[in-house]
Amino acid sequence: MRPFTVGINIGYLVYGEESFKRRFSITNPDVYVDVNRTNSLANFHLLFQVSPFTGTVRPYIEGLFGGAYFFYLDKY
């Protein structure tokens, strides 16, 4: 059994949607468009785990390094 473990975590999540009307331009305030917005999150992490013990109970130390990117997509 190896005492070190390395892994990755990749995820994507849609955490909200909304629809609203927005003015098409400042110069023509009478024209509106429908906007559909999707709020999303993408993440990527590297996982490091050290478990130097054997037996029934195996304590371990774990570390996580990475980040997340919040973004939204508008559809007109």
PDB file of N, CA and C in Angstrom:
ATOM      1  N   MET A   1       0.838  -1.174   0.000  1.00  0.00           N
ATOM      2  CA  MET A   1       0.000   0.000   0.000  1.00  0.00           C
ATOM      3  C   MET A   1       0.893   1.251   0.000  1.00  0.00           C
ATOM      4  N   ARG A   2       0.560   2.205  -0.855  1.00  0.00           N
ATOM      5  CA  ARG A   2       1.349   3.430  -0.956  1.00  0.00           C
ATOM      6  C   ARG A   2       0.839   4.476   0.036  1.00  0.00           C
ATOM      7  N   PRO A   3       1.742   5.197   0.677  1.00  0.00           N
ATOM      8  CA  PRO A   3       1.296   6.191   1.661  1.00  0.00           C
ATOM      9  C   PRO A   3       0.836   7.510   1.039  1.00  0.00           C
ATOM     10  N   PHE A   4       1.077   7.717  -0.260  1.00  0.00           N
ATOM     11  CA  PHE A   4       0.699   8.969  -0.915  1.00  0.00           C
ATOM     12  C   PHE A   4      -0.337   8.714  -2.001  1.00  0.00           C
ATOM     13  N   THR A   5      -1.310   9.604  -2.094  1.00  0.00           N
ATOM     14  CA  THR A   5      -2.338   9.529  -3.127  1.00  0.00           C
ATOM     15  C   THR A   5      -2.476  10.902  -3.771  1.00  0.00           C
ATOM     16  N   VAL A   6      -2.610  10.913  -5.085  1.00  0.00           N
ATOM     17  CA  VAL A   6      -2.820  12.149  -5.834  1.00  0.00           C
ATOM     18  C   VAL A   6      -4.051  11.944  -6.719  1.00  0.00           C
ATOM     19  N   GLY A   7      -4.902  12.947  -6.769  1.00  0.00           N
ATOM     20  CA  GLY A   7      -6.103  12.853  -7.594  1.00  0.00           C
ATOM     21  C   GLY A   7      -6.521  14.211  -8.107  1.00  0.00           C
ATOM     22  N   ILE A   8      -7.567  14.219  -8.933  1.00  0.00           N
ATOM     23  CA  ILE A   8      -8.113  15.473  -9.453  1.00  0.00           C
ATOM     24  C   ILE A   8      -9.619  15.496  -9.255  1.00  0.00           C
ATOM     25  N   ASN A   9     -10.156  16.688  -9.197  1.00  0.00           N
ATOM     26  CA  ASN A   9     -11.588  16.906  -9.100  1.00  0.00           C
ATOM     27  C   ASN A   9     -11.946  17.990 -10.107  1.00  0.00           C
ATOM     28  N   ILE A  10     -12.818  17.669 -11.041  1.00  0.00           N
ATOM     29  CA  ILE A  10     -13.298  18.630 -12.032  1.00  0.00           C
ATOM     30  C   ILE A  10     -14.810  18.669 -11.919  1.00  0.00           C
ATOM     31  N   GLY A  11     -15.383  19.874 -11.854  1.00  0.00           N
ATOM     32  CA  GLY A  11     -16.823  19.983 -11.709  1.00  0.00           C
ATOM     33  C   GLY A  11     -17.410  21.140 -12.480  1.00  0.00           C
ATOM     34  N   TYR A  12     -18.694  21.018 -12.778  1.00  0.00           N
ATOM     35  CA  TYR A  12     -19.460  22.063 -13.450  1.00  0.00           C
ATOM     36  C   TYR A  12     -20.848  22.085 -12.829  1.00  0.00           C
ATOM     37  N   LEU A  13     -21.344  23.269 -12.520  1.00  0.00           N
ATOM     38  CA  LEU A  13     -22.615  23.395 -11.828  1.00  0.00           C
ATOM     39  C   LEU A  13     -23.373  24.606 -12.365  1.00  0.00           C
ATOM     40  N   VAL A  14     -24.650  24.428 -12.670  1.00  0.00           N
ATOM     41  CA  VAL A  14     -25.546  25.541 -12.987  1.00  0.00           C
ATOM     42  C   VAL A  14     -26.327  25.836 -11.723  1.00  0.00           C
ATOM     43  N   TYR A  15     -26.168  27.048 -11.173  1.00  0.00           N
ATOM     44  CA  TYR A  15     -26.799  27.349  -9.896  1.00  0.00           C
ATOM     45  C   TYR A  15     -27.898  28.398  -9.994  1.00  0.00           C
ATOM     46  N   GLY A  16     -28.334  28.733 -11.189  1.00  0.00           N
ATOM     47  CA  GLY A  16     -29.459  29.657 -11.291  1.00  0.00           C
ATOM     48  C   GLY A  16     -29.711  30.095 -12.713  1.00  0.00           C
ATOM     49  N   GLU A  17     -30.948  30.398 -12.983  1.00  0.00           N
ATOM     50  CA  GLU A  17     -31.355  30.925 -14.279  1.00  0.00           C
ATOM     51  C   GLU A  17     -32.360  32.037 -14.048  1.00  0.00           C
ATOM     52  N   GLU A  18     -32.335  33.035 -14.926  1.00  0.00           N
ATOM     53  CA  GLU A  18     -33.316  34.106 -14.839  1.00  0.00           C
ATOM     54  C   GLU A  18     -33.619  34.630 -16.234  1.00  0.00           C
ATOM     55  N   SER A  19     -34.805  35.153 -16.398  1.00  0.00           N
ATOM     56  CA  SER A  19     -35.241  35.753 -17.656  1.00  0.00           C
ATOM     57  C   SER A  19     -35.756  37.153 -17.368  1.00  0.00           C
ATOM     58  N   PHE A  20     -35.407  38.109 -18.239  1.00  0.00           N
ATOM     59  CA  PHE A  20     -35.864  39.483 -18.077  1.00  0.00           C
ATOM     60  C   PHE A  20     -35.806  40.201 -19.415  1.00  0.00           C
ATOM     61  N   LYS A  21     -36.421  41.372 -19.472  1.00  0.00           N
ATOM     62  CA  LYS A  21     -36.402  42.211 -20.664  1.00  0.00           C
ATOM     63  C   LYS A  21     -35.385  43.321 -20.456  1.00  0.00           C
ATOM     64  N   ARG A  22     -34.628  43.642 -21.523  1.00  0.00           N
ATOM     65  CA  ARG A  22     -33.618  44.696 -21.461  1.00  0.00           C
ATOM     66  C   ARG A  22     -33.755  45.580 -22.704  1.00  0.00           C
ATOM     67  N   ARG A  23     -33.485  46.857 -22.509  1.00  0.00           N
ATOM     68  CA  ARG A  23     -33.508  47.782 -23.622  1.00  0.00           C
ATOM     69  C   ARG A  23     -32.446  47.398 -24.640  1.00  0.00           C
ATOM     70  N   PHE A  24     -32.778  47.410 -25.940  1.00  0.00           N
ATOM     71  CA  PHE A  24     -31.849  46.997 -26.977  1.00  0.00           C
ATOM     72  C   PHE A  24     -30.688  47.968 -27.113  1.00  0.00           C
ATOM     73  N   SER A  25     -30.965  49.274 -27.052  1.00  0.00           N
ATOM     74  CA  SER A  25     -29.901  50.270 -27.125  1.00  0.00           C
ATOM     75  C   SER A  25     -30.354  51.553 -26.444  1.00  0.00           C
ATOM     76  N   ILE A  26     -29.400  52.403 -26.137  1.00  0.00           N
ATOM     77  CA  ILE A  26     -29.717  53.687 -25.508  1.00  0.00           C
ATOM     78  C   ILE A  26     -30.355  54.632 -26.508  1.00  0.00           C
ATOM     79  N   THR A  27     -29.951  54.529 -27.765  1.00  0.00           N
ATOM     80  CA  THR A  27     -30.476  55.446 -28.787  1.00  0.00           C
ATOM     81  C   THR A  27     -31.899  55.133 -29.197  1.00  0.00           C
ATOM     82  N   ASN A  28     -32.357  53.897 -29.005  1.00  0.00           N
ATOM     83  CA  ASN A  28     -33.730  53.526 -29.339  1.00  0.00           C
ATOM     84  C   ASN A  28     -34.369  52.874 -28.112  1.00  0.00           C
ATOM     85  N   PRO A  29     -34.899  53.664 -27.187  1.00  0.00           N
ATOM     86  CA  PRO A  29     -35.381  53.110 -25.912  1.00  0.00           C
ATOM     87  C   PRO A  29     -36.700  52.354 -26.008  1.00  0.00           C
ATOM     88  N   ASP A  30     -37.360  52.343 -27.170  1.00  0.00           N
ATOM     89  CA  ASP A  30     -38.650  51.662 -27.299  1.00  0.00           C
ATOM     90  C   ASP A  30     -38.519  50.195 -27.701  1.00  0.00           C
ATOM     91  N   VAL A  31     -37.322  49.746 -28.021  1.00  0.00           N
ATOM     92  CA  VAL A  31     -37.125  48.366 -28.451  1.00  0.00           C
ATOM     93  C   VAL A  31     -36.504  47.577 -27.297  1.00  0.00           C
ATOM     94  N   TYR A  32     -37.171  46.477 -26.926  1.00  0.00           N
ATOM     95  CA  TYR A  32     -36.702  45.615 -25.847  1.00  0.00           C
ATOM     96  C   TYR A  32     -36.412  44.220 -26.379  1.00  0.00           C
ATOM     97  N   VAL A  33     -35.487  43.532 -25.745  1.00  0.00           N
ATOM     98  CA  VAL A  33     -35.180  42.141 -26.091  1.00  0.00           C
ATOM     99  C   VAL A  33     -35.335  41.281 -24.837  1.00  0.00           C
ATOM    100  N   ASP A  34     -35.678  40.020 -25.061  1.00  0.00           N
ATOM    101  CA  ASP A  34     -35.752  39.053 -23.965  1.00  0.00           C
ATOM    102  C   ASP A  34     -34.361  38.484 -23.721  1.00  0.00           C
ATOM    103  N   VAL A  35     -33.939  38.469 -22.468  1.00  0.00           N
ATOM    104  CA  VAL A  35     -32.619  37.951 -22.093  1.00  0.00           C
ATOM    105  C   VAL A  35     -32.818  36.759 -21.162  1.00  0.00           C
ATOM    106  N   ASN A  36     -32.160  35.653 -21.477  1.00  0.00           N
ATOM    107  CA  ASN A  36     -32.144  34.471 -20.617  1.00  0.00           C
ATOM    108  C   ASN A  36     -30.718  34.292 -20.111  1.00  0.00           C
ATOM    109  N   ARG A  37     -30.541  34.352 -18.807  1.00  0.00           N
ATOM    110  CA  ARG A  37     -29.210  34.275 -18.197  1.00  0.00           C
ATOM    111  C   ARG A  37     -29.082  32.973 -17.420  1.00  0.00           C
ATOM    112  N   THR A  38     -27.949  32.290 -17.614  1.00  0.00           N
ATOM    113  CA  THR A  38     -27.623  31.070 -16.884  1.00  0.00           C
ATOM    114  C   THR A  38     -26.367  31.323 -16.061  1.00  0.00           C
ATOM    115  N   ASN A  39     -26.454  31.169 -14.749  1.00  0.00           N
ATOM    116  CA  ASN A  39     -25.316  31.352 -13.845  1.00  0.00           C
ATOM    117  C   ASN A  39     -24.655  29.989 -13.608  1.00  0.00           C
ATOM    118  N   SER A  40     -23.332  29.951 -13.773  1.00  0.00           N
ATOM    119  CA  SER A  40     -22.619  28.669 -13.709  1.00  0.00           C
ATOM    120  C   SER A  40     -21.342  28.784 -12.887  1.00  0.00           C
ATOM    121  N   LEU A  41     -20.818  27.628 -12.534  1.00  0.00           N
ATOM    122  CA  LEU A  41     -19.576  27.511 -11.776  1.00  0.00           C
ATOM    123  C   LEU A  41     -18.789  26.334 -12.348  1.00  0.00           C
ATOM    124  N   ALA A  42     -17.520  26.568 -12.643  1.00  0.00           N
ATOM    125  CA  ALA A  42     -16.615  25.496 -13.066  1.00  0.00           C
ATOM    126  C   ALA A  42     -15.454  25.457 -12.072  1.00  0.00           C
ATOM    127  N   ASN A  43     -15.034  24.255 -11.680  1.00  0.00           N
ATOM    128  CA  ASN A  43     -13.921  24.162 -10.732  1.00  0.00           C
ATOM    129  C   ASN A  43     -12.965  23.046 -11.122  1.00  0.00           C
ATOM    130  N   PHE A  44     -11.740  23.203 -10.644  1.00  0.00           N
ATOM    131  CA  PHE A  44     -10.690  22.215 -10.865  1.00  0.00           C
ATOM    132  C   PHE A  44      -9.811  22.188  -9.621  1.00  0.00           C
ATOM    133  N   HIS A  45      -9.576  21.001  -9.090  1.00  0.00           N
ATOM    134  CA  HIS A  45      -8.748  20.866  -7.886  1.00  0.00           C
ATOM    135  C   HIS A  45      -7.811  19.672  -8.026  1.00  0.00           C
ATOM    136  N   LEU A  46      -6.627  19.823  -7.465  1.00  0.00           N
ATOM    137  CA  LEU A  46      -5.699  18.710  -7.289  1.00  0.00           C
ATOM    138  C   LEU A  46      -5.789  18.261  -5.838  1.00  0.00           C
ATOM    139  N   LEU A  47      -5.830  16.984  -5.632  1.00  0.00           N
ATOM    140  CA  LEU A  47      -5.983  16.403  -4.297  1.00  0.00           C
ATOM    141  C   LEU A  47      -4.710  15.652  -3.929  1.00  0.00           C
ATOM    142  N   PHE A  48      -4.201  15.919  -2.734  1.00  0.00           N
ATOM    143  CA  PHE A  48      -3.036  15.212  -2.198  1.00  0.00           C
ATOM    144  C   PHE A  48      -3.430  14.601  -0.858  1.00  0.00           C
ATOM    145  N   GLN A  49      -3.103  13.342  -0.670  1.00  0.00           N
ATOM    146  CA  GLN A  49      -3.443  12.663   0.575  1.00  0.00           C
ATOM    147  C   GLN A  49      -2.235  11.850   1.049  1.00  0.00           C
ATOM    148  N   VAL A  50      -1.932  11.950   2.343  1.00  0.00           N
ATOM    149  CA  VAL A  50      -0.849  11.187   2.963  1.00  0.00           C
ATOM    150  C   VAL A  50      -1.471  10.310   4.045  1.00  0.00           C
ATOM    151  N   SER A  51      -1.262   9.007   3.921  1.00  0.00           N
ATOM    152  CA  SER A  51      -1.774   8.043   4.898  1.00  0.00           C
ATOM    153  C   SER A  51      -0.674   7.023   5.197  1.00  0.00           C
ATOM    154  N   PRO A  52       0.236   7.377   6.097  1.00  0.00           N
ATOM    155  CA  PRO A  52       1.401   6.502   6.328  1.00  0.00           C
ATOM    156  C   PRO A  52       1.130   5.305   7.235  1.00  0.00           C
ATOM    157  N   PHE A  53      -0.087   5.163   7.743  1.00  0.00           N
ATOM    158  CA  PHE A  53      -0.377   4.099   8.712  1.00  0.00           C
ATOM    159  C   PHE A  53      -1.129   2.944   8.049  1.00  0.00           C
ATOM    160  N   THR A  54      -1.044   1.766   8.652  1.00  0.00           N
ATOM    161  CA  THR A  54      -1.799   0.598   8.205  1.00  0.00           C
ATOM    162  C   THR A  54      -2.671   0.119   9.356  1.00  0.00           C
ATOM    163  N   GLY A  55      -3.601  -0.757   9.040  1.00  0.00           N
ATOM    164  CA  GLY A  55      -4.460  -1.296  10.085  1.00  0.00           C
ATOM    165  C   GLY A  55      -5.916  -0.947   9.840  1.00  0.00           C
ATOM    166  N   THR A  56      -6.726  -1.223  10.870  1.00  0.00           N
ATOM    167  CA  THR A  56      -8.157  -0.981  10.747  1.00  0.00           C
ATOM    168  C   THR A  56      -8.479   0.507  10.712  1.00  0.00           C
ATOM    169  N   VAL A  57      -7.850   1.268  11.593  1.00  0.00           N
ATOM    170  CA  VAL A  57      -8.043   2.724  11.622  1.00  0.00           C
ATOM    171  C   VAL A  57      -6.801   3.359  11.012  1.00  0.00           C
ATOM    172  N   ARG A  58      -6.997   4.147   9.945  1.00  0.00           N
ATOM    173  CA  ARG A  58      -5.868   4.766   9.235  1.00  0.00           C
ATOM    174  C   ARG A  58      -6.057   6.275   9.153  1.00  0.00           C
ATOM    175  N   PRO A  59      -5.465   7.022  10.063  1.00  0.00           N
ATOM    176  CA  PRO A  59      -5.557   8.476   9.966  1.00  0.00           C
ATOM    177  C   PRO A  59      -4.823   8.970   8.713  1.00  0.00           C
ATOM    178  N   TYR A  60      -5.275  10.099   8.208  1.00  0.00           N
ATOM    179  CA  TYR A  60      -4.650  10.655   7.010  1.00  0.00           C
ATOM    180  C   TYR A  60      -4.689  12.180   7.054  1.00  0.00           C
ATOM    181  N   ILE A  61      -3.860  12.789   6.222  1.00  0.00           N
ATOM    182  CA  ILE A  61      -3.830  14.242   6.034  1.00  0.00           C
ATOM    183  C   ILE A  61      -4.130  14.486   4.561  1.00  0.00           C
ATOM    184  N   GLU A  62      -4.998  15.465   4.312  1.00  0.00           N
ATOM    185  CA  GLU A  62      -5.436  15.717   2.948  1.00  0.00           C
ATOM    186  C   GLU A  62      -5.278  17.192   2.610  1.00  0.00           C
ATOM    187  N   GLY A  63      -4.847  17.484   1.401  1.00  0.00           N
ATOM    188  CA  GLY A  63      -4.721  18.858   0.936  1.00  0.00           C
ATOM    189  C   GLY A  63      -5.385  19.021  -0.411  1.00  0.00           C
ATOM    190  N   LEU A  64      -5.917  20.201  -0.637  1.00  0.00           N
ATOM    191  CA  LEU A  64      -6.638  20.492  -1.876  1.00  0.00           C
ATOM    192  C   LEU A  64      -6.103  21.798  -2.437  1.00  0.00           C
ATOM    193  N   PHE A  65      -5.764  21.816  -3.716  1.00  0.00           N
ATOM    194  CA  PHE A  65      -5.251  23.018  -4.366  1.00  0.00           C
ATOM    195  C   PHE A  65      -5.989  23.188  -5.684  1.00  0.00           C
ATOM    196  N   GLY A  66      -6.494  24.391  -5.928  1.00  0.00           N
ATOM    197  CA  GLY A  66      -7.208  24.631  -7.181  1.00  0.00           C
ATOM    198  C   GLY A  66      -7.987  25.916  -7.113  1.00  0.00           C
ATOM    199  N   GLY A  67      -9.027  25.955  -7.901  1.00  0.00           N
ATOM    200  CA  GLY A  67      -9.828  27.171  -7.934  1.00  0.00           C
ATOM    201  C   GLY A  67     -11.167  26.947  -8.588  1.00  0.00           C
ATOM    202  N   ALA A  68     -11.961  28.013  -8.575  1.00  0.00           N
ATOM    203  CA  ALA A  68     -13.294  27.987  -9.156  1.00  0.00           C
ATOM    204  C   ALA A  68     -13.485  29.226 -10.019  1.00  0.00           C
ATOM    205  N   TYR A  69     -14.304  29.091 -11.045  1.00  0.00           N
ATOM    206  CA  TYR A  69     -14.587  30.181 -11.973  1.00  0.00           C
ATOM    207  C   TYR A  69     -16.098  30.346 -12.064  1.00  0.00           C
ATOM    208  N   PHE A  70     -16.601  31.475 -11.582  1.00  0.00           N
ATOM    209  CA  PHE A  70     -18.014  31.802 -11.667  1.00  0.00           C
ATOM    210  C   PHE A  70     -18.241  32.586 -12.950  1.00  0.00           C
ATOM    211  N   PHE A  71     -19.282  32.237 -13.707  1.00  0.00           N
ATOM    212  CA  PHE A  71     -19.572  32.969 -14.936  1.00  0.00           C
ATOM    213  C   PHE A  71     -21.048  32.858 -15.267  1.00  0.00           C
ATOM    214  N   TYR A  72     -21.492  33.708 -16.181  1.00  0.00           N
ATOM    215  CA  TYR A  72     -22.867  33.659 -16.629  1.00  0.00           C
ATOM    216  C   TYR A  72     -22.895  33.782 -18.145  1.00  0.00           C
ATOM    217  N   LEU A  73     -23.929  33.212 -18.744  1.00  0.00           N
ATOM    218  CA  LEU A  73     -24.142  33.275 -20.177  1.00  0.00           C
ATOM    219  C   LEU A  73     -25.475  33.945 -20.441  1.00  0.00           C
ATOM    220  N   ASP A  74     -25.454  34.985 -21.256  1.00  0.00           N
ATOM    221  CA  ASP A  74     -26.687  35.665 -21.651  1.00  0.00           C
ATOM    222  C   ASP A  74     -27.073  35.203 -23.047  1.00  0.00           C
ATOM    223  N   LYS A  75     -28.351  34.874 -23.225  1.00  0.00           N
ATOM    224  CA  LYS A  75     -28.888  34.515 -24.545  1.00  0.00           C
ATOM    225  C   LYS A  75     -29.971  35.519 -24.888  1.00  0.00           C
ATOM    226  N   TYR A  76     -29.796  36.192 -26.005  1.00  0.00           N
ATOM    227  CA  TYR A  76     -30.771  37.200 -26.437  1.00  0.00           C
ATOM    228  C   TYR A  76     -31.734  36.623 -27.429  1.00  0.00           C
TER     229      TYR A  76
END
